[in-house]
C-alpha atoms as a PDB file:
ATOM      1  CA  UNK A   1      30.690 100.396  90.020  1.00  0.00           C
ATOM      2  CA  UNK A   2      31.916 104.032  89.634  1.00  0.00           C
ATOM      3  CA  UNK A   3      31.822 104.141  93.530  1.00  0.00           C
ATOM      4  CA  UNK A   4      33.869 100.976  93.824  1.00  0.00           C
ATOM      5  CA  UNK A   5      36.386 102.202  91.198  1.00  0.00           C
ATOM      6  CA  UNK A   6      36.669 105.394  93.223  1.00  0.00           C
ATOM      7  CA  UNK A   7      37.097 103.536  96.623  1.00  0.00           C
ATOM      8  CA  UNK A   8      39.869 101.612  95.129  1.00  0.00           C
ATOM      9  CA  UNK A   9      41.811 104.319  93.788  1.00  0.00           C
ATOM     10  CA  UNK A  10      41.440 106.355  96.912  1.00  0.00           C
ATOM     11  CA  UNK A  11      42.554 103.494  99.165  1.00  0.00           C
ATOM     12  CA  UNK A  12      46.120 103.646  97.414  1.00  0.00           C
ATOM     13  CA  UNK A  13      46.123 107.483  96.502  1.00  0.00           C
ATOM     14  CA  UNK A  14      48.904 108.328  98.963  1.00  0.00           C
ATOM     15  CA  UNK A  15      51.250 105.544  97.773  1.00  0.00           C
ATOM     16  CA  UNK A  16      50.648 106.336  94.094  1.00  0.00           C
ATOM     17  CA  UNK A  17      51.435 110.181  94.749  1.00  0.00           C
ATOM     18  CA  UNK A  18      54.582 109.327  96.521  1.00  0.00           C
ATOM     19  CA  UNK A  19      55.539 107.061  93.666  1.00  0.00           C
ATOM     20  CA  UNK A  20      54.770 109.671  90.933  1.00  0.00           C
ATOM     21  CA  UNK A  21      56.754 112.304  93.053  1.00  0.00           C
ATOM     22  CA  UNK A  22      59.815 110.068  92.944  1.00  0.00           C
ATOM     23  CA  UNK A  23      59.710 108.915  89.398  1.00  0.00           C
ATOM     24  CA  UNK A  24      59.092 105.247  90.287  1.00  0.00           C
ATOM     25  CA  UNK A  25      57.255 103.526  87.637  1.00  0.00           C
ATOM     26  CA  UNK A  26      54.151 101.368  88.925  1.00  0.00           C
ATOM     27  CA  UNK A  27      50.660 100.099  87.875  1.00  0.00           C
ATOM     28  CA  UNK A  28      47.686 102.191  89.163  1.00  0.00           C
ATOM     29  CA  UNK A  29      45.270 100.660  91.596  1.00  0.00           C
ATOM     30  CA  UNK A  30      42.449  99.479  89.799  1.00  0.00           C
ATOM     31  CA  UNK A  31      38.866  98.009  90.445  1.00  0.00           C
ATOM     32  CA  UNK A  32      37.954  95.385  87.863  1.00  0.00           C
ATOM     33  CA  UNK A  33      34.422  94.555  89.090  1.00  0.00           C
ATOM     34  CA  UNK A  34      35.874  91.599  91.414  1.00  0.00           C
ATOM     35  CA  UNK A  35      39.075  92.791  92.842  1.00  0.00           C
ATOM     36  CA  UNK A  36      40.687  96.107  93.996  1.00  0.00           C
ATOM     37  CA  UNK A  37      44.092  95.568  92.686  1.00  0.00           C
ATOM     38  CA  UNK A  38      46.526  97.516  94.851  1.00  0.00           C
ATOM     39  CA  UNK A  39      49.233  99.967  93.490  1.00  0.00           C
ATOM     40  CA  UNK A  40      52.174  97.597  92.369  1.00  0.00           C
ATOM     41  CA  UNK A  41      55.623  98.538  91.469  1.00  0.00           C
ATOM     42  CA  UNK A  42      56.617  97.879  87.976  1.00  0.00           C
ATOM     43  CA  UNK A  43      58.108  94.379  87.195  1.00  0.00           C
ATOM     44  CA  UNK A  44      56.362  93.046  90.410  1.00  0.00           C
ATOM     45  CA  UNK A  45      53.475  90.633  91.060  1.00  0.00           C
ATOM     46  CA  UNK A  46      50.572  91.200  93.550  1.00  0.00           C
ATOM     47  CA  UNK A  47      48.608  88.270  95.057  1.00  0.00           C
ATOM     48  CA  UNK A  48      44.925  88.517  96.087  1.00  0.00           C
ATOM     49  CA  UNK A  49      42.813  86.075  98.084  1.00  0.00           C
ATOM     50  CA  UNK A  50      39.859  85.073  95.915  1.00  0.00           C
ATOM     51  CA  UNK A  51      36.619  86.520  96.923  1.00  0.00           C
ATOM     52  CA  UNK A  52      33.975  84.582  98.894  1.00  0.00           C
ATOM     53  CA  UNK A  53      30.918  86.407  97.351  1.00  0.00           C
ATOM     54  CA  UNK A  54      30.321  84.183  94.292  1.00  0.00           C
ATOM     55  CA  UNK A  55      29.352  80.710  94.476  1.00  0.00           C
ATOM     56  CA  UNK A  56      31.631  79.489  91.651  1.00  0.00           C
ATOM     57  CA  UNK A  57      34.841  80.886  93.409  1.00  0.00           C
ATOM     58  CA  UNK A  58      36.836  79.117  96.071  1.00  0.00           C
ATOM     59  CA  UNK A  59      37.789  81.592  98.822  1.00  0.00           C
ATOM     60  CA  UNK A  60      40.703  79.380  99.796  1.00  0.00           C
ATOM     61  CA  UNK A  61      42.662  80.081  96.616  1.00  0.00           C
ATOM     62  CA  UNK A  62      44.579  82.967  95.447  1.00  0.00           C
ATOM     63  CA  UNK A  63      45.260  84.647  92.174  1.00  0.00           C
ATOM     64  CA  UNK A  64      47.846  87.312  90.990  1.00  0.00           C
ATOM     65  CA  UNK A  65      48.401  90.028  88.440  1.00  0.00           C
ATOM     66  CA  UNK A  66      51.756  91.046  87.256  1.00  0.00           C
ATOM     67  CA  UNK A  67      52.803  94.905  86.728  1.00  0.00           C
ATOM     68  CA  UNK A  68      54.773  95.154  83.474  1.00  0.00           C
ATOM     69  CA  UNK A  69      58.268  96.630  83.479  1.00  0.00           C
ATOM     70  CA  UNK A  70      56.605  99.903  81.874  1.00  0.00           C
ATOM     71  CA  UNK A  71      54.105 100.232  84.625  1.00  0.00           C
ATOM     72  CA  UNK A  72      50.980  98.692  82.932  1.00  0.00           C
ATOM     73  CA  UNK A  73      49.245  95.519  83.989  1.00  0.00           C
ATOM     74  CA  UNK A  74      49.955  92.367  82.170  1.00  0.00           C
ATOM     75  CA  UNK A  75      46.537  91.140  80.606  1.00  0.00           C
ATOM     76  CA  UNK A  76      45.510  87.627  81.734  1.00  0.00           C
ATOM     77  CA  UNK A  77      42.556  85.811  82.796  1.00  0.00           C
ATOM     78  CA  UNK A  78      43.168  85.481  86.519  1.00  0.00           C
ATOM     79  CA  UNK A  79      39.748  84.914  87.742  1.00  0.00           C
ATOM     80  CA  UNK A  80      40.119  81.157  86.491  1.00  0.00           C
ATOM     81  CA  UNK A  81      42.673  80.683  89.422  1.00  0.00           C
ATOM     82  CA  UNK A  82      39.790  81.278  91.927  1.00  0.00           C
ATOM     83  CA  UNK A  83      37.272  78.831  90.164  1.00  0.00           C
ATOM     84  CA  UNK A  84      35.853  76.109  92.500  1.00  0.00           C
ATOM     85  CA  UNK A  85      37.162  72.624  91.569  1.00  0.00           C
ATOM     86  CA  UNK A  86      33.699  71.193  91.545  1.00  0.00           C
ATOM     87  CA  UNK A  87      32.313  73.766  89.430  1.00  0.00           C
ATOM     88  CA  UNK A  88      35.070  73.678  87.018  1.00  0.00           C
ATOM     89  CA  UNK A  89      34.690  69.735  86.627  1.00  0.00           C
ATOM     90  CA  UNK A  90      30.866  70.316  86.013  1.00  0.00           C
ATOM     91  CA  UNK A  91      31.560  72.698  83.354  1.00  0.00           C
ATOM     92  CA  UNK A  92      34.362  70.506  81.742  1.00  0.00           C
ATOM     93  CA  UNK A  93      31.822  67.562  81.716  1.00  0.00           C
ATOM     94  CA  UNK A  94      29.192  69.783  80.155  1.00  0.00           C
ATOM     95  CA  UNK A  95      31.744  70.862  77.459  1.00  0.00           C
ATOM     96  CA  UNK A  96      32.551  67.208  76.858  1.00  0.00           C
ATOM     97  CA  UNK A  97      29.070  65.996  76.532  1.00  0.00           C
ATOM     98  CA  UNK A  98      28.063  64.803  72.999  1.00  0.00           C
ATOM     99  CA  UNK A  99      26.225  67.129  70.792  1.00  0.00           C
ATOM    100  CA  UNK A 100      23.052  65.880  69.289  1.00  0.00           C
ATOM    101  CA  UNK A 101      23.073  65.092  65.609  1.00  0.00           C
ATOM    102  CA  UNK A 102      20.554  66.972  63.267  1.00  0.00           C
ATOM    103  CA  UNK A 103      18.377  63.671  63.227  1.00  0.00           C
ATOM    104  CA  UNK A 104      18.379  63.460  67.167  1.00  0.00           C
ATOM    105  CA  UNK A 105      17.566  67.297  67.288  1.00  0.00           C
ATOM    106  CA  UNK A 106      14.532  66.787  65.238  1.00  0.00           C
ATOM    107  CA  UNK A 107      13.248  63.980  67.437  1.00  0.00           C
ATOM    108  CA  UNK A 108      13.634  65.981  70.630  1.00  0.00           C
ATOM    109  CA  UNK A 109      12.155  69.140  69.003  1.00  0.00           C
ATOM    110  CA  UNK A 110      15.125  71.339  69.021  1.00  0.00           C
END
């Protein structure tokens, strides 16, 4: 993981140095274990194609992150943008499934 983090930072280090030297606010490039988010100017949005290395993600979709006006990433659960529709539906159906009563649990041995 540290190697991916370093590669991500190194990829955008020149741009970051330029922005620092010129006093331009920005969000630093960051690796979050799924995406290498690029250096992004403050108050701007960056879009990323969803990865194709997870079965539950749809590589045809995109997600985004916003860099706040103060140069910090705005928190959000962006990976949900990438979830495959079939997988999302199956998870929703599982969430909507009725829960067994205590009596039913005794019968089935739970």
